[in-house]
């Protein structure tokens, strides 16, 4: 079974942890060790999941061909939000690094996905599936722009209580994207 990589904004660390903890089909959750991963590792352990923590250069190359379904998670820390261009560059570099070792990459960051779409970044010819969260209504559009603006402004990571309903809605959208990508990479392609 294949490997799914999740490149997520640190803003959505809690949502990522909850979605991964509820998926009992994952054999191993691998968290890339860096300054932004400690809270994710702690939350996963608190939810009864024991992730493997590895440095990028120590990720086993055979995960993509493993017999079990594995998920690799790397988070974007606050330093990538210096400017829209810096965010785009850093995100593209992560996609280029983790994409080839993965069957699919989920951009677990609405603002990064939106920025990549606006900039015309194209990974369609890659040998992995790239799943970006789409904006399908104006309420979410406004919220996504607000989140991107907050990230770029370097505001506090934790959301206010007033945004909790929007956060749950976004978590459900990410869950749908996660499940859609998982289905695509676990279902063998049929030759017709």
C-alpha atoms as a PDB file:
ATOM      1  CA  UNK A   1       0.000   0.000   0.000  1.00  0.00           C
ATOM      2  CA  UNK A   2       1.153   3.537  -0.647  1.00  0.00           C
ATOM      3  CA  UNK A   3       2.422   6.454   1.318  1.00  0.00           C
ATOM      4  CA  UNK A   4       0.443   9.671   1.707  1.00  0.00           C
ATOM      5  CA  UNK A   5       2.384  12.797   2.622  1.00  0.00           C
ATOM      6  CA  UNK A   6       0.656  15.676   4.342  1.00  0.00           C
ATOM      7  CA  UNK A   7       2.220  19.106   4.149  1.00  0.00           C
ATOM      8  CA  UNK A   8       0.315  21.126   6.680  1.00  0.00           C
ATOM      9  CA  UNK A   9       0.216  24.601   8.064  1.00  0.00           C
ATOM     10  CA  UNK A  10       1.056  24.656  11.755  1.00  0.00           C
ATOM     11  CA  UNK A  11      -2.271  26.496  12.185  1.00  0.00           C
ATOM     12  CA  UNK A  12      -4.089  23.206  11.494  1.00  0.00           C
ATOM     13  CA  UNK A  13      -1.983  20.923  13.695  1.00  0.00           C
ATOM     14  CA  UNK A  14      -4.918  19.948  15.947  1.00  0.00           C
ATOM     15  CA  UNK A  15      -7.158  19.079  12.985  1.00  0.00           C
ATOM     16  CA  UNK A  16      -4.415  16.978  11.402  1.00  0.00           C
ATOM     17  CA  UNK A  17      -3.916  15.086  14.670  1.00  0.00           C
ATOM     18  CA  UNK A  18      -7.643  14.370  15.061  1.00  0.00           C
ATOM     19  CA  UNK A  19      -8.101  13.160  11.475  1.00  0.00           C
ATOM     20  CA  UNK A  20      -5.054  10.883  11.638  1.00  0.00           C
ATOM     21  CA  UNK A  21      -5.944   9.517  15.080  1.00  0.00           C
ATOM     22  CA  UNK A  22      -9.403   8.468  13.874  1.00  0.00           C
ATOM     23  CA  UNK A  23      -8.049   6.581  10.815  1.00  0.00           C
ATOM     24  CA  UNK A  24      -7.406   3.054  12.061  1.00  0.00           C
ATOM     25  CA  UNK A  25      -6.162   1.852   8.645  1.00  0.00           C
ATOM     26  CA  UNK A  26      -2.833   3.672   9.002  1.00  0.00           C
ATOM     27  CA  UNK A  27       0.014   1.324   9.857  1.00  0.00           C
ATOM     28  CA  UNK A  28       2.571   4.040  10.679  1.00  0.00           C
ATOM     29  CA  UNK A  29       2.330   7.795  11.104  1.00  0.00           C
ATOM     30  CA  UNK A  30       5.701   9.384  10.473  1.00  0.00           C
ATOM     31  CA  UNK A  31       6.206  12.945  11.660  1.00  0.00           C
ATOM     32  CA  UNK A  32       9.120  14.897  10.239  1.00  0.00           C
ATOM     33  CA  UNK A  33      11.146  16.188  13.177  1.00  0.00           C
ATOM     34  CA  UNK A  34      11.610  19.933  13.247  1.00  0.00           C
ATOM     35  CA  UNK A  35      10.794  22.909  15.448  1.00  0.00           C
ATOM     36  CA  UNK A  36       7.083  22.767  14.592  1.00  0.00           C
ATOM     37  CA  UNK A  37       6.432  19.058  15.139  1.00  0.00           C
ATOM     38  CA  UNK A  38       6.549  18.661  18.932  1.00  0.00           C
ATOM     39  CA  UNK A  39       2.934  19.678  19.564  1.00  0.00           C
ATOM     40  CA  UNK A  40       1.652  17.361  16.807  1.00  0.00           C
ATOM     41  CA  UNK A  41       3.633  14.437  18.255  1.00  0.00           C
ATOM     42  CA  UNK A  42       2.349  15.245  21.741  1.00  0.00           C
ATOM     43  CA  UNK A  43      -1.279  15.477  20.560  1.00  0.00           C
ATOM     44  CA  UNK A  44      -1.060  12.190  18.637  1.00  0.00           C
ATOM     45  CA  UNK A  45       0.388  10.415  21.687  1.00  0.00           C
ATOM     46  CA  UNK A  46      -2.370  11.908  23.854  1.00  0.00           C
ATOM     47  CA  UNK A  47      -4.916  10.422  21.393  1.00  0.00           C
ATOM     48  CA  UNK A  48      -3.330   6.980  21.708  1.00  0.00           C
ATOM     49  CA  UNK A  49      -1.264   7.071  18.505  1.00  0.00           C
ATOM     50  CA  UNK A  50       2.483   6.476  18.633  1.00  0.00           C
ATOM     51  CA  UNK A  51       4.028   8.273  15.654  1.00  0.00           C
ATOM     52  CA  UNK A  52       7.534   7.636  14.392  1.00  0.00           C
ATOM     53  CA  UNK A  53       9.583  10.830  14.433  1.00  0.00           C
ATOM     54  CA  UNK A  54      12.262  11.029  11.744  1.00  0.00           C
ATOM     55  CA  UNK A  55      14.474  13.626  10.152  1.00  0.00           C
ATOM     56  CA  UNK A  56      13.832  14.181   6.424  1.00  0.00           C
ATOM     57  CA  UNK A  57      17.138  12.586   5.435  1.00  0.00           C
ATOM     58  CA  UNK A  58      16.332   9.421   7.430  1.00  0.00           C
ATOM     59  CA  UNK A  59      12.958   8.667   5.827  1.00  0.00           C
ATOM     60  CA  UNK A  60      13.141   5.108   4.458  1.00  0.00           C
ATOM     61  CA  UNK A  61      12.859   5.201   0.647  1.00  0.00           C
ATOM     62  CA  UNK A  62      10.725   2.045   0.476  1.00  0.00           C
ATOM     63  CA  UNK A  63       7.680   3.459   2.277  1.00  0.00           C
ATOM     64  CA  UNK A  64       5.905   4.062  -1.026  1.00  0.00           C
ATOM     65  CA  UNK A  65       6.095   0.334  -1.743  1.00  0.00           C
ATOM     66  CA  UNK A  66       5.265  -0.862   1.746  1.00  0.00           C
ATOM     67  CA  UNK A  67       2.552  -3.479   2.230  1.00  0.00           C
ATOM     68  CA  UNK A  68       0.756  -1.195   4.663  1.00  0.00           C
ATOM     69  CA  UNK A  69      -0.753   2.286   4.412  1.00  0.00           C
ATOM     70  CA  UNK A  70       1.547   4.910   5.933  1.00  0.00           C
ATOM     71  CA  UNK A  71       1.198   8.654   6.388  1.00  0.00           C
ATOM     72  CA  UNK A  72       4.064  11.122   6.591  1.00  0.00           C
ATOM     73  CA  UNK A  73       3.391  14.578   8.053  1.00  0.00           C
ATOM     74  CA  UNK A  74       5.511  17.692   7.809  1.00  0.00           C
ATOM     75  CA  UNK A  75       4.368  21.057   9.111  1.00  0.00           C
ATOM     76  CA  UNK A  76       5.109  24.517   7.790  1.00  0.00           C
ATOM     77  CA  UNK A  77       6.367  26.642  10.663  1.00  0.00           C
ATOM     78  CA  UNK A  78       5.927  30.372  11.181  1.00  0.00           C
ATOM     79  CA  UNK A  79       9.086  31.289   9.251  1.00  0.00           C
ATOM     80  CA  UNK A  80       7.500  30.458   5.860  1.00  0.00           C
ATOM     81  CA  UNK A  81       4.997  33.313   6.188  1.00  0.00           C
ATOM     82  CA  UNK A  82       7.389  36.180   5.520  1.00  0.00           C
ATOM     83  CA  UNK A  83       5.662  37.003   2.235  1.00  0.00           C
ATOM     84  CA  UNK A  84       3.357  35.289  -0.274  1.00  0.00           C
ATOM     85  CA  UNK A  85       6.360  34.603  -2.536  1.00  0.00           C
ATOM     86  CA  UNK A  86       8.399  33.052   0.286  1.00  0.00           C
ATOM     87  CA  UNK A  87       5.400  30.925   1.306  1.00  0.00           C
ATOM     88  CA  UNK A  88       4.957  29.743  -2.289  1.00  0.00           C
ATOM     89  CA  UNK A  89       8.671  28.939  -2.696  1.00  0.00           C
ATOM     90  CA  UNK A  90       8.946  27.022   0.587  1.00  0.00           C
ATOM     91  CA  UNK A  91       5.734  25.097  -0.075  1.00  0.00           C
ATOM     92  CA  UNK A  92       6.802  24.150  -3.609  1.00  0.00           C
ATOM     93  CA  UNK A  93      10.162  22.918  -2.280  1.00  0.00           C
ATOM     94  CA  UNK A  94       8.400  20.669   0.235  1.00  0.00           C
ATOM     95  CA  UNK A  95       6.079  19.315  -2.458  1.00  0.00           C
ATOM     96  CA  UNK A  96       9.080  18.625  -4.716  1.00  0.00           C
ATOM     97  CA  UNK A  97      10.887  16.847  -1.849  1.00  0.00           C
ATOM     98  CA  UNK A  98       8.015  14.712  -0.497  1.00  0.00           C
ATOM     99  CA  UNK A  99       6.070  14.187  -3.731  1.00  0.00           C
ATOM    100  CA  UNK A 100       8.477  11.739  -5.391  1.00  0.00           C
ATOM    101  CA  UNK A 101       8.624   9.502  -2.295  1.00  0.00           C
ATOM    102  CA  UNK A 102       4.808   9.566  -1.960  1.00  0.00           C
ATOM    103  CA  UNK A 103       1.850   8.302  -3.917  1.00  0.00           C
ATOM    104  CA  UNK A 104      -0.109  11.383  -2.973  1.00  0.00           C
ATOM    105  CA  UNK A 105       0.452  14.721  -1.240  1.00  0.00           C
ATOM    106  CA  UNK A 106      -2.298  16.487   0.685  1.00  0.00           C
ATOM    107  CA  UNK A 107      -1.794  20.204   1.151  1.00  0.00           C
ATOM    108  CA  UNK A 108      -3.404  20.496   4.556  1.00  0.00           C
ATOM    109  CA  UNK A 109      -3.382  24.237   4.349  1.00  0.00           C
ATOM    110  CA  UNK A 110      -6.099  26.180   2.676  1.00  0.00           C
ATOM    111  CA  UNK A 111      -4.058  29.345   2.353  1.00  0.00           C
ATOM    112  CA  UNK A 112      -1.052  27.597   0.767  1.00  0.00           C
ATOM    113  CA  UNK A 113      -3.285  25.759  -1.675  1.00  0.00           C
ATOM    114  CA  UNK A 114      -5.027  28.982  -2.620  1.00  0.00           C
ATOM    115  CA  UNK A 115      -1.704  30.717  -3.146  1.00  0.00           C
ATOM    116  CA  UNK A 116      -0.378  27.895  -5.333  1.00  0.00           C
ATOM    117  CA  UNK A 117      -3.538  27.940  -7.451  1.00  0.00           C
ATOM    118  CA  UNK A 118      -3.356  31.716  -7.884  1.00  0.00           C
ATOM    119  CA  UNK A 119       0.318  31.536  -8.870  1.00  0.00           C
ATOM    120  CA  UNK A 120      -0.382  28.860 -11.477  1.00  0.00           C
ATOM    121  CA  UNK A 121       1.907  26.263  -9.889  1.00  0.00           C
ATOM    122  CA  UNK A 122       1.388  23.038 -11.822  1.00  0.00           C
ATOM    123  CA  UNK A 123       2.187  19.579 -10.490  1.00  0.00           C
ATOM    124  CA  UNK A 124      -0.220  17.780 -12.859  1.00  0.00           C
ATOM    125  CA  UNK A 125       2.566  15.936 -14.686  1.00  0.00           C
ATOM    126  CA  UNK A 126       4.110  14.612 -11.485  1.00  0.00           C
ATOM    127  CA  UNK A 127       4.094  10.922 -10.609  1.00  0.00           C
ATOM    128  CA  UNK A 128       2.081  11.592  -7.477  1.00  0.00           C
ATOM    129  CA  UNK A 129      -1.372  13.013  -6.801  1.00  0.00           C
ATOM    130  CA  UNK A 130      -1.517  16.523  -5.339  1.00  0.00           C
ATOM    131  CA  UNK A 131      -4.725  17.317  -3.475  1.00  0.00           C
ATOM    132  CA  UNK A 132      -5.509  20.943  -2.649  1.00  0.00           C
ATOM    133  CA  UNK A 133      -8.461  22.082  -0.607  1.00  0.00           C
ATOM    134  CA  UNK A 134     -10.871  23.949  -2.855  1.00  0.00           C
ATOM    135  CA  UNK A 135     -12.956  26.961  -2.010  1.00  0.00           C
ATOM    136  CA  UNK A 136     -16.538  26.321  -2.908  1.00  0.00           C
ATOM    137  CA  UNK A 137     -18.500  29.038  -1.199  1.00  0.00           C
ATOM    138  CA  UNK A 138     -18.131  32.683  -0.312  1.00  0.00           C
ATOM    139  CA  UNK A 139     -18.215  32.187   3.463  1.00  0.00           C
ATOM    140  CA  UNK A 140     -15.252  29.840   3.316  1.00  0.00           C
ATOM    141  CA  UNK A 141     -13.526  32.063   0.751  1.00  0.00           C
ATOM    142  CA  UNK A 142     -13.588  34.979   3.170  1.00  0.00           C
ATOM    143  CA  UNK A 143     -12.383  32.752   5.997  1.00  0.00           C
ATOM    144  CA  UNK A 144      -9.534  31.362   3.874  1.00  0.00           C
ATOM    145  CA  UNK A 145      -8.382  34.852   2.905  1.00  0.00           C
ATOM    146  CA  UNK A 146      -8.531  35.853   6.572  1.00  0.00           C
ATOM    147  CA  UNK A 147      -6.401  32.813   7.544  1.00  0.00           C
ATOM    148  CA  UNK A 148      -3.817  33.574   4.828  1.00  0.00           C
ATOM    149  CA  UNK A 149      -3.672  37.206   5.953  1.00  0.00           C
ATOM    150  CA  UNK A 150      -3.222  36.065   9.584  1.00  0.00           C
ATOM    151  CA  UNK A 151      -0.444  33.650   8.612  1.00  0.00           C
ATOM    152  CA  UNK A 152       1.376  36.261   6.562  1.00  0.00           C
ATOM    153  CA  UNK A 153       0.975  38.821   9.349  1.00  0.00           C
ATOM    154  CA  UNK A 154       2.540  36.375  11.812  1.00  0.00           C
ATOM    155  CA  UNK A 155      -0.431  36.472  14.190  1.00  0.00           C
ATOM    156  CA  UNK A 156      -0.898  33.980  17.003  1.00  0.00           C
ATOM    157  CA  UNK A 157      -1.491  30.382  15.925  1.00  0.00           C
ATOM    158  CA  UNK A 158      -4.377  29.645  18.233  1.00  0.00           C
ATOM    159  CA  UNK A 159      -7.841  30.595  17.042  1.00  0.00           C
ATOM    160  CA  UNK A 160     -10.312  32.650  19.003  1.00  0.00           C
ATOM    161  CA  UNK A 161     -13.491  30.977  20.287  1.00  0.00           C
ATOM    162  CA  UNK A 162     -15.534  32.932  17.713  1.00  0.00           C
ATOM    163  CA  UNK A 163     -13.768  31.059  14.905  1.00  0.00           C
ATOM    164  CA  UNK A 164     -14.447  27.599  16.370  1.00  0.00           C
ATOM    165  CA  UNK A 165     -17.488  26.893  14.139  1.00  0.00           C
ATOM    166  CA  UNK A 166     -15.513  27.908  11.047  1.00  0.00           C
ATOM    167  CA  UNK A 167     -12.646  25.723  12.244  1.00  0.00           C
ATOM    168  CA  UNK A 168     -14.920  22.669  12.548  1.00  0.00           C
ATOM    169  CA  UNK A 169     -16.267  23.338   9.055  1.00  0.00           C
ATOM    170  CA  UNK A 170     -12.719  23.543   7.698  1.00  0.00           C
ATOM    171  CA  UNK A 171     -11.754  20.361   9.564  1.00  0.00           C
ATOM    172  CA  UNK A 172     -14.614  18.550   7.848  1.00  0.00           C
ATOM    173  CA  UNK A 173     -13.478  19.886   4.444  1.00  0.00           C
ATOM    174  CA  UNK A 174      -9.948  18.644   5.157  1.00  0.00           C
ATOM    175  CA  UNK A 175     -11.330  15.267   6.266  1.00  0.00           C
ATOM    176  CA  UNK A 176     -13.180  14.997   2.934  1.00  0.00           C
ATOM    177  CA  UNK A 177      -9.974  15.878   1.018  1.00  0.00           C
ATOM    178  CA  UNK A 178      -7.949  13.415   3.117  1.00  0.00           C
ATOM    179  CA  UNK A 179     -10.436  10.603   2.433  1.00  0.00           C
ATOM    180  CA  UNK A 180     -10.671  11.476  -1.270  1.00  0.00           C
ATOM    181  CA  UNK A 181      -6.881  11.363  -1.694  1.00  0.00           C
ATOM    182  CA  UNK A 182      -6.637   8.173   0.361  1.00  0.00           C
ATOM    183  CA  UNK A 183      -9.255   6.522  -1.863  1.00  0.00           C
ATOM    184  CA  UNK A 184      -7.429   7.645  -5.014  1.00  0.00           C
ATOM    185  CA  UNK A 185      -4.057   6.274  -3.926  1.00  0.00           C
ATOM    186  CA  UNK A 186      -5.412   3.040  -2.421  1.00  0.00           C
ATOM    187  CA  UNK A 187      -7.617   2.166  -5.388  1.00  0.00           C
ATOM    188  CA  UNK A 188      -5.576   0.635  -8.192  1.00  0.00           C
ATOM    189  CA  UNK A 189      -5.989   2.287 -11.575  1.00  0.00           C
ATOM    190  CA  UNK A 190      -7.865   0.225 -14.093  1.00  0.00           C
ATOM    191  CA  UNK A 191      -6.706   0.128 -17.677  1.00  0.00           C
ATOM    192  CA  UNK A 192      -9.679   0.681 -19.937  1.00  0.00           C
END
